Amino acid sequence: MEHYKFFQNRACEYFPCHKVEDDKVFNCLFCYCPLYALKDKCGGDFSYTKKGIKNCMACIKPHTLQGYEHVQAHIQKVIEIGKKG
């Protein structure tokens, strides 16, 4: 494993912040998902609340061992949003 792609903070009071089967492979690298701004184009498992707020509690994509690759595959879209801002 390339160690720069994985970080875990077991001292965090929220660890793990999502329900998972095995917290030994829970990746905290993207504690706050950088893909949130992509709305329905993030590639994650999300829903919207009745008030229209994106709810990512069911999504563990950025917290898996493959999370780094998932974020990198979509991050250019986030950069483009930032350029328009």
PDB file of N, CA and C in Angstrom:
ATOM      1  N   MET A   1       0.841  -1.190   0.000  1.00  0.00           N
ATOM      2  CA  MET A   1       0.000   0.000   0.000  1.00  0.00           C
ATOM      3  C   MET A   1       0.880   1.245   0.000  1.00  0.00           C
ATOM      4  N   GLU A   2       0.482   2.225  -0.771  1.00  0.00           N
ATOM      5  CA  GLU A   2       1.152   3.518  -0.767  1.00  0.00           C
ATOM      6  C   GLU A   2       0.589   4.312   0.411  1.00  0.00           C
ATOM      7  N   HIS A   3       1.399   4.561   1.401  1.00  0.00           N
ATOM      8  CA  HIS A   3       0.932   5.096   2.678  1.00  0.00           C
ATOM      9  C   HIS A   3       0.361   6.511   2.598  1.00  0.00           C
ATOM     10  N   TYR A   4       0.722   7.291   1.599  1.00  0.00           N
ATOM     11  CA  TYR A   4       0.159   8.637   1.471  1.00  0.00           C
ATOM     12  C   TYR A   4      -1.322   8.595   1.088  1.00  0.00           C
ATOM     13  N   LYS A   5      -1.826   7.420   0.704  1.00  0.00           N
ATOM     14  CA  LYS A   5      -3.224   7.270   0.312  1.00  0.00           C
ATOM     15  C   LYS A   5      -4.120   6.839   1.470  1.00  0.00           C
ATOM     16  N   PHE A   6      -3.534   6.646   2.645  1.00  0.00           N
ATOM     17  CA  PHE A   6      -4.305   6.137   3.775  1.00  0.00           C
ATOM     18  C   PHE A   6      -3.865   6.811   5.065  1.00  0.00           C
ATOM     19  N   PHE A   7      -4.837   7.225   5.869  1.00  0.00           N
ATOM     20  CA  PHE A   7      -4.587   7.807   7.181  1.00  0.00           C
ATOM     21  C   PHE A   7      -5.736   7.397   8.087  1.00  0.00           C
ATOM     22  N   GLN A   8      -5.404   7.120   9.319  1.00  0.00           N
ATOM     23  CA  GLN A   8      -6.448   6.747  10.267  1.00  0.00           C
ATOM     24  C   GLN A   8      -6.221   7.470  11.589  1.00  0.00           C
ATOM     25  N   ASN A   9      -7.287   8.039  12.130  1.00  0.00           N
ATOM     26  CA  ASN A   9      -7.222   8.754  13.405  1.00  0.00           C
ATOM     27  C   ASN A   9      -8.172   8.089  14.402  1.00  0.00           C
ATOM     28  N   ARG A  10      -7.689   7.059  15.052  1.00  0.00           N
ATOM     29  CA  ARG A  10      -8.512   6.334  16.020  1.00  0.00           C
ATOM     30  C   ARG A  10      -8.793   7.161  17.268  1.00  0.00           C
ATOM     31  N   ALA A  11      -8.044   8.227  17.493  1.00  0.00           N
ATOM     32  CA  ALA A  11      -8.275   9.089  18.653  1.00  0.00           C
ATOM     33  C   ALA A  11      -9.441  10.052  18.429  1.00  0.00           C
ATOM     34  N   CYS A  12      -9.914  10.147  17.204  1.00  0.00           N
ATOM     35  CA  CYS A  12     -11.028  11.043  16.884  1.00  0.00           C
ATOM     36  C   CYS A  12     -12.283  10.586  17.621  1.00  0.00           C
ATOM     37  N   GLU A  13     -12.979  11.524  18.218  1.00  0.00           N
ATOM     38  CA  GLU A  13     -14.196  11.192  18.961  1.00  0.00           C
ATOM     39  C   GLU A  13     -15.315  10.674  18.059  1.00  0.00           C
ATOM     40  N   TYR A  14     -15.181  10.827  16.747  1.00  0.00           N
ATOM     41  CA  TYR A  14     -16.199  10.356  15.803  1.00  0.00           C
ATOM     42  C   TYR A  14     -15.792   9.080  15.078  1.00  0.00           C
ATOM     43  N   PHE A  15     -14.622   8.555  15.379  1.00  0.00           N
ATOM     44  CA  PHE A  15     -14.115   7.373  14.664  1.00  0.00           C
ATOM     45  C   PHE A  15     -14.907   6.126  15.000  1.00  0.00           C
ATOM     46  N   PRO A  16     -15.305   5.361  13.999  1.00  0.00           N
ATOM     47  CA  PRO A  16     -15.450   5.766  12.604  1.00  0.00           C
ATOM     48  C   PRO A  16     -16.734   6.568  12.434  1.00  0.00           C
ATOM     49  N   CYS A  17     -16.725   7.519  11.564  1.00  0.00           N
ATOM     50  CA  CYS A  17     -17.868   8.424  11.411  1.00  0.00           C
ATOM     51  C   CYS A  17     -18.991   7.818  10.567  1.00  0.00           C
ATOM     52  N   HIS A  18     -18.744   6.675   9.968  1.00  0.00           N
ATOM     53  CA  HIS A  18     -19.756   5.957   9.194  1.00  0.00           C
ATOM     54  C   HIS A  18     -19.792   4.510   9.681  1.00  0.00           C
ATOM     55  N   LYS A  19     -20.936   3.862   9.527  1.00  0.00           N
ATOM     56  CA  LYS A  19     -21.047   2.454   9.892  1.00  0.00           C
ATOM     57  C   LYS A  19     -20.297   1.614   8.865  1.00  0.00           C
ATOM     58  N   VAL A  20     -19.349   0.833   9.355  1.00  0.00           N
ATOM     59  CA  VAL A  20     -18.546  -0.022   8.485  1.00  0.00           C
ATOM     60  C   VAL A  20     -18.396  -1.399   9.119  1.00  0.00           C
ATOM     61  N   GLU A  21     -18.091  -2.375   8.271  1.00  0.00           N
ATOM     62  CA  GLU A  21     -17.893  -3.734   8.768  1.00  0.00           C
ATOM     63  C   GLU A  21     -16.544  -3.884   9.463  1.00  0.00           C
ATOM     64  N   ASP A  22     -15.511  -3.247   8.930  1.00  0.00           N
ATOM     65  CA  ASP A  22     -14.162  -3.408   9.460  1.00  0.00           C
ATOM     66  C   ASP A  22     -13.490  -2.043   9.613  1.00  0.00           C
ATOM     67  N   ASP A  23     -13.412  -1.545  10.842  1.00  0.00           N
ATOM     68  CA  ASP A  23     -12.820  -0.217  11.040  1.00  0.00           C
ATOM     69  C   ASP A  23     -11.295  -0.219  10.919  1.00  0.00           C
ATOM     70  N   LYS A  24     -10.683  -1.373  10.768  1.00  0.00           N
ATOM     71  CA  LYS A  24      -9.222  -1.433  10.595  1.00  0.00           C
ATOM     72  C   LYS A  24      -8.795  -0.863   9.246  1.00  0.00           C
ATOM     73  N   VAL A  25      -9.704  -0.845   8.288  1.00  0.00           N
ATOM     74  CA  VAL A  25      -9.385  -0.310   6.964  1.00  0.00           C
ATOM     75  C   VAL A  25     -10.154   0.985   6.684  1.00  0.00           C
ATOM     76  N   PHE A  26     -10.680   1.612   7.723  1.00  0.00           N
ATOM     77  CA  PHE A  26     -11.413   2.873   7.564  1.00  0.00           C
ATOM     78  C   PHE A  26     -10.409   3.997   7.337  1.00  0.00           C
ATOM     79  N   ASN A  27     -10.540   4.669   6.206  1.00  0.00           N
ATOM     80  CA  ASN A  27      -9.599   5.705   5.799  1.00  0.00           C
ATOM     81  C   ASN A  27     -10.123   7.090   6.186  1.00  0.00           C
ATOM     82  N   CYS A  28      -9.388   7.781   7.023  1.00  0.00           N
ATOM     83  CA  CYS A  28      -9.763   9.126   7.486  1.00  0.00           C
ATOM     84  C   CYS A  28      -9.125  10.231   6.640  1.00  0.00           C
ATOM     85  N   LEU A  29      -8.397   9.874   5.602  1.00  0.00           N
ATOM     86  CA  LEU A  29      -7.678  10.860   4.805  1.00  0.00           C
ATOM     87  C   LEU A  29      -8.580  11.993   4.326  1.00  0.00           C
ATOM     88  N   PHE A  30      -9.771  11.641   3.866  1.00  0.00           N
ATOM     89  CA  PHE A  30     -10.731  12.642   3.409  1.00  0.00           C
ATOM     90  C   PHE A  30     -11.842  12.755   4.440  1.00  0.00           C
ATOM     91  N   CYS A  31     -11.494  13.244   5.598  1.00  0.00           N
ATOM     92  CA  CYS A  31     -12.441  13.384   6.698  1.00  0.00           C
ATOM     93  C   CYS A  31     -13.670  14.170   6.225  1.00  0.00           C
ATOM     94  N   TYR A  32     -13.435  15.263   5.559  1.00  0.00           N
ATOM     95  CA  TYR A  32     -14.505  16.027   4.925  1.00  0.00           C
ATOM     96  C   TYR A  32     -14.350  15.800   3.430  1.00  0.00           C
ATOM     97  N   CYS A  33     -15.335  15.208   2.822  1.00  0.00           N
ATOM     98  CA  CYS A  33     -15.217  14.801   1.424  1.00  0.00           C
ATOM     99  C   CYS A  33     -15.049  16.010   0.491  1.00  0.00           C
ATOM    100  N   PRO A  34     -13.965  16.039  -0.271  1.00  0.00           N
ATOM    101  CA  PRO A  34     -13.756  17.144  -1.212  1.00  0.00           C
ATOM    102  C   PRO A  34     -14.708  17.085  -2.408  1.00  0.00           C
ATOM    103  N   LEU A  35     -15.477  16.006  -2.523  1.00  0.00           N
ATOM    104  CA  LEU A  35     -16.393  15.865  -3.655  1.00  0.00           C
ATOM    105  C   LEU A  35     -17.811  16.317  -3.332  1.00  0.00           C
ATOM    106  N   TYR A  36     -18.043  16.791  -2.123  1.00  0.00           N
ATOM    107  CA  TYR A  36     -19.383  17.206  -1.701  1.00  0.00           C
ATOM    108  C   TYR A  36     -19.981  18.227  -2.672  1.00  0.00           C
ATOM    109  N   ALA A  37     -19.176  19.132  -3.155  1.00  0.00           N
ATOM    110  CA  ALA A  37     -19.652  20.203  -4.038  1.00  0.00           C
ATOM    111  C   ALA A  37     -20.149  19.687  -5.391  1.00  0.00           C
ATOM    112  N   LEU A  38     -19.839  18.452  -5.724  1.00  0.00           N
ATOM    113  CA  LEU A  38     -20.265  17.904  -7.008  1.00  0.00           C
ATOM    114  C   LEU A  38     -21.724  17.472  -7.012  1.00  0.00           C
ATOM    115  N   LYS A  39     -22.371  17.593  -5.876  1.00  0.00           N
ATOM    116  CA  LYS A  39     -23.788  17.227  -5.737  1.00  0.00           C
ATOM    117  C   LYS A  39     -24.019  15.803  -6.222  1.00  0.00           C
ATOM    118  N   ASP A  40     -24.879  15.595  -7.204  1.00  0.00           N
ATOM    119  CA  ASP A  40     -25.208  14.238  -7.646  1.00  0.00           C
ATOM    120  C   ASP A  40     -24.170  13.637  -8.595  1.00  0.00           C
ATOM    121  N   LYS A  41     -23.074  14.334  -8.839  1.00  0.00           N
ATOM    122  CA  LYS A  41     -22.020  13.853  -9.740  1.00  0.00           C
ATOM    123  C   LYS A  41     -20.788  13.339  -8.988  1.00  0.00           C
ATOM    124  N   CYS A  42     -20.889  13.179  -7.672  1.00  0.00           N
ATOM    125  CA  CYS A  42     -19.730  12.784  -6.858  1.00  0.00           C
ATOM    126  C   CYS A  42     -19.392  11.300  -6.973  1.00  0.00           C
ATOM    127  N   GLY A  43     -20.350  10.488  -7.395  1.00  0.00           N
ATOM    128  CA  GLY A  43     -20.115   9.060  -7.513  1.00  0.00           C
ATOM    129  C   GLY A  43     -20.307   8.301  -6.213  1.00  0.00           C
ATOM    130  N   GLY A  44     -20.810   8.981  -5.194  1.00  0.00           N
ATOM    131  CA  GLY A  44     -21.009   8.354  -3.890  1.00  0.00           C
ATOM    132  C   GLY A  44     -22.439   7.924  -3.643  1.00  0.00           C
ATOM    133  N   ASP A  45     -22.633   7.307  -2.506  1.00  0.00           N
ATOM    134  CA  ASP A  45     -23.954   6.826  -2.095  1.00  0.00           C
ATOM    135  C   ASP A  45     -24.563   7.844  -1.129  1.00  0.00           C
ATOM    136  N   PHE A  46     -25.320   8.750  -1.653  1.00  0.00           N
ATOM    137  CA  PHE A  46     -25.871   9.850  -0.863  1.00  0.00           C
ATOM    138  C   PHE A  46     -27.371   9.922  -1.069  1.00  0.00           C
ATOM    139  N   SER A  47     -27.998  10.771  -0.302  1.00  0.00           N
ATOM    140  CA  SER A  47     -29.419  11.072  -0.476  1.00  0.00           C
ATOM    141  C   SER A  47     -29.591  12.550  -0.181  1.00  0.00           C
ATOM    142  N   TYR A  48     -30.784  13.045  -0.373  1.00  0.00           N
ATOM    143  CA  TYR A  48     -31.094  14.423  -0.010  1.00  0.00           C
ATOM    144  C   TYR A  48     -32.160  14.414   1.076  1.00  0.00           C
ATOM    145  N   THR A  49     -32.020  15.299   2.033  1.00  0.00           N
ATOM    146  CA  THR A  49     -33.024  15.413   3.086  1.00  0.00           C
ATOM    147  C   THR A  49     -34.259  16.107   2.512  1.00  0.00           C
ATOM    148  N   LYS A  50     -35.322  16.136   3.286  1.00  0.00           N
ATOM    149  CA  LYS A  50     -36.549  16.824   2.855  1.00  0.00           C
ATOM    150  C   LYS A  50     -36.295  18.305   2.603  1.00  0.00           C
ATOM    151  N   LYS A  51     -35.291  18.854   3.270  1.00  0.00           N
ATOM    152  CA  LYS A  51     -34.948  20.266   3.093  1.00  0.00           C
ATOM    153  C   LYS A  51     -33.965  20.483   1.938  1.00  0.00           C
ATOM    154  N   GLY A  52     -33.605  19.412   1.224  1.00  0.00           N
ATOM    155  CA  GLY A  52     -32.720  19.541   0.067  1.00  0.00           C
ATOM    156  C   GLY A  52     -31.242  19.540   0.392  1.00  0.00           C
ATOM    157  N   ILE A  53     -30.873  19.113   1.590  1.00  0.00           N
ATOM    158  CA  ILE A  53     -29.467  19.075   1.990  1.00  0.00           C
ATOM    159  C   ILE A  53     -28.899  17.700   1.659  1.00  0.00           C
ATOM    160  N   LYS A  54     -27.727  17.687   1.067  1.00  0.00           N
ATOM    161  CA  LYS A  54     -27.079  16.432   0.704  1.00  0.00           C
ATOM    162  C   LYS A  54     -26.667  15.690   1.967  1.00  0.00           C
ATOM    163  N   ASN A  55     -27.058  14.431   2.073  1.00  0.00           N
ATOM    164  CA  ASN A  55     -26.774  13.593   3.232  1.00  0.00           C
ATOM    165  C   ASN A  55     -25.843  12.468   2.797  1.00  0.00           C
ATOM    166  N   CYS A  56     -24.622  12.468   3.308  1.00  0.00           N
ATOM    167  CA  CYS A  56     -23.610  11.501   2.897  1.00  0.00           C
ATOM    168  C   CYS A  56     -23.355  10.413   3.941  1.00  0.00           C
ATOM    169  N   MET A  57     -24.242  10.275   4.916  1.00  0.00           N
ATOM    170  CA  MET A  57     -24.014   9.300   5.982  1.00  0.00           C
ATOM    171  C   MET A  57     -23.934   7.855   5.475  1.00  0.00           C
ATOM    172  N   ALA A  58     -24.568   7.540   4.378  1.00  0.00           N
ATOM    173  CA  ALA A  58     -24.518   6.179   3.847  1.00  0.00           C
ATOM    174  C   ALA A  58     -23.319   5.953   2.930  1.00  0.00           C
ATOM    175  N   CYS A  59     -22.550   6.982   2.667  1.00  0.00           N
ATOM    176  CA  CYS A  59     -21.431   6.882   1.726  1.00  0.00           C
ATOM    177  C   CYS A  59     -20.118   6.627   2.448  1.00  0.00           C
ATOM    178  N   ILE A  60     -19.434   5.585   2.047  1.00  0.00           N
ATOM    179  CA  ILE A  60     -18.111   5.324   2.610  1.00  0.00           C
ATOM    180  C   ILE A  60     -17.023   5.330   1.530  1.00  0.00           C
ATOM    181  N   LYS A  61     -17.376   5.720   0.315  1.00  0.00           N
ATOM    182  CA  LYS A  61     -16.404   5.686  -0.793  1.00  0.00           C
ATOM    183  C   LYS A  61     -15.085   6.368  -0.464  1.00  0.00           C
ATOM    184  N   PRO A  62     -15.061   7.594   0.064  1.00  0.00           N
ATOM    185  CA  PRO A  62     -13.759   8.209   0.353  1.00  0.00           C
ATOM    186  C   PRO A  62     -13.053   7.571   1.551  1.00  0.00           C
ATOM    187  N   HIS A  63     -13.748   6.718   2.285  1.00  0.00           N
ATOM    188  CA  HIS A  63     -13.183   6.118   3.490  1.00  0.00           C
ATOM    189  C   HIS A  63     -12.712   4.686   3.296  1.00  0.00           C
ATOM    190  N   THR A  64     -12.692   4.211   2.059  1.00  0.00           N
ATOM    191  CA  THR A  64     -12.224   2.865   1.758  1.00  0.00           C
ATOM    192  C   THR A  64     -10.751   2.911   1.373  1.00  0.00           C
ATOM    193  N   LEU A  65     -10.152   1.746   1.195  1.00  0.00           N
ATOM    194  CA  LEU A  65      -8.767   1.698   0.732  1.00  0.00           C
ATOM    195  C   LEU A  65      -8.628   2.270  -0.679  1.00  0.00           C
ATOM    196  N   GLN A  66      -9.736   2.240  -1.449  1.00  0.00           N
ATOM    197  CA  GLN A  66      -9.718   2.795  -2.804  1.00  0.00           C
ATOM    198  C   GLN A  66     -10.198   4.244  -2.827  1.00  0.00           C
ATOM    199  N   GLY A  67     -10.432   4.823  -1.672  1.00  0.00           N
ATOM    200  CA  GLY A  67     -10.961   6.181  -1.583  1.00  0.00           C
ATOM    201  C   GLY A  67     -10.105   7.225  -2.261  1.00  0.00           C
ATOM    202  N   TYR A  68      -8.806   7.084  -2.141  1.00  0.00           N
ATOM    203  CA  TYR A  68      -7.895   8.048  -2.763  1.00  0.00           C
ATOM    204  C   TYR A  68      -8.112   8.073  -4.278  1.00  0.00           C
ATOM    205  N   GLU A  69      -8.161   6.892  -4.884  1.00  0.00           N
ATOM    206  CA  GLU A  69      -8.362   6.827  -6.336  1.00  0.00           C
ATOM    207  C   GLU A  69      -9.728   7.385  -6.735  1.00  0.00           C
ATOM    208  N   HIS A  70     -10.751   7.116  -5.939  1.00  0.00           N
ATOM    209  CA  HIS A  70     -12.083   7.637  -6.243  1.00  0.00           C
ATOM    210  C   HIS A  70     -12.079   9.165  -6.234  1.00  0.00           C
ATOM    211  N   VAL A  71     -11.480   9.746  -5.211  1.00  0.00           N
ATOM    212  CA  VAL A  71     -11.427  11.212  -5.124  1.00  0.00           C
ATOM    213  C   VAL A  71     -10.606  11.774  -6.282  1.00  0.00           C
ATOM    214  N   GLN A  72      -9.465  11.188  -6.570  1.00  0.00           N
ATOM    215  CA  GLN A  72      -8.617  11.685  -7.651  1.00  0.00           C
ATOM    216  C   GLN A  72      -9.315  11.611  -9.005  1.00  0.00           C
ATOM    217  N   ALA A  73     -10.154  10.600  -9.188  1.00  0.00           N
ATOM    218  CA  ALA A  73     -10.873  10.451 -10.459  1.00  0.00           C
ATOM    219  C   ALA A  73     -11.911  11.552 -10.669  1.00  0.00           C
ATOM    220  N   HIS A  74     -12.341  12.213  -9.593  1.00  0.00           N
ATOM    221  CA  HIS A  74     -13.388  13.233  -9.680  1.00  0.00           C
ATOM    222  C   HIS A  74     -12.913  14.648  -9.317  1.00  0.00           C
ATOM    223  N   ILE A  75     -11.710  14.785  -8.808  1.00  0.00           N
ATOM    224  CA  ILE A  75     -11.269  16.070  -8.243  1.00  0.00           C
ATOM    225  C   ILE A  75     -11.164  17.181  -9.294  1.00  0.00           C
ATOM    226  N   GLN A  76     -10.896  16.841 -10.540  1.00  0.00           N
ATOM    227  CA  GLN A  76     -10.799  17.872 -11.579  1.00  0.00           C
ATOM    228  C   GLN A  76     -12.117  18.627 -11.715  1.00  0.00           C
ATOM    229  N   LYS A  77     -13.233  17.939 -11.517  1.00  0.00           N
ATOM    230  CA  LYS A  77     -14.546  18.587 -11.578  1.00  0.00           C
ATOM    231  C   LYS A  77     -14.689  19.614 -10.451  1.00  0.00           C
ATOM    232  N   VAL A  78     -14.156  19.306  -9.286  1.00  0.00           N
ATOM    233  CA  VAL A  78     -14.191  20.238  -8.152  1.00  0.00           C
ATOM    234  C   VAL A  78     -13.332  21.463  -8.471  1.00  0.00           C
ATOM    235  N   ILE A  79     -12.191  21.238  -9.060  1.00  0.00           N
ATOM    236  CA  ILE A  79     -11.297  22.352  -9.443  1.00  0.00           C
ATOM    237  C   ILE A  79     -11.998  23.273 -10.427  1.00  0.00           C
ATOM    238  N   GLU A  80     -12.729  22.704 -11.367  1.00  0.00           N
ATOM    239  CA  GLU A  80     -13.458  23.512 -12.354  1.00  0.00           C
ATOM    240  C   GLU A  80     -14.540  24.354 -11.676  1.00  0.00           C
ATOM    241  N   ILE A  81     -15.218  23.804 -10.698  1.00  0.00           N
ATOM    242  CA  ILE A  81     -16.223  24.573  -9.952  1.00  0.00           C
ATOM    243  C   ILE A  81     -15.554  25.748  -9.250  1.00  0.00           C
ATOM    244  N   GLY A  82     -14.378  25.496  -8.667  1.00  0.00           N
ATOM    245  CA  GLY A  82     -13.643  26.556  -7.976  1.00  0.00           C
ATOM    246  C   GLY A  82     -13.204  27.669  -8.916  1.00  0.00           C
ATOM    247  N   LYS A  83     -12.847  27.328 -10.131  1.00  0.00           N
ATOM    248  CA  LYS A  83     -12.443  28.339 -11.123  1.00  0.00           C
ATOM    249  C   LYS A  83     -13.599  29.237 -11.511  1.00  0.00           C
ATOM    250  N   LYS A  84     -14.823  28.682 -11.538  1.00  0.00           N
ATOM    251  CA  LYS A  84     -15.995  29.452 -11.917  1.00  0.00           C
ATOM    252  C   LYS A  84     -16.436  30.396 -10.811  1.00  0.00           C
ATOM    253  N   GLY A  85     -16.134  29.990  -9.541  1.00  0.00           N
ATOM    254  CA  GLY A  85     -16.591  30.705  -8.351  1.00  0.00           C
ATOM    255  C   GLY A  85     -16.357  32.135  -8.353  1.00  0.00           C
TER     256      GLY A  85
END
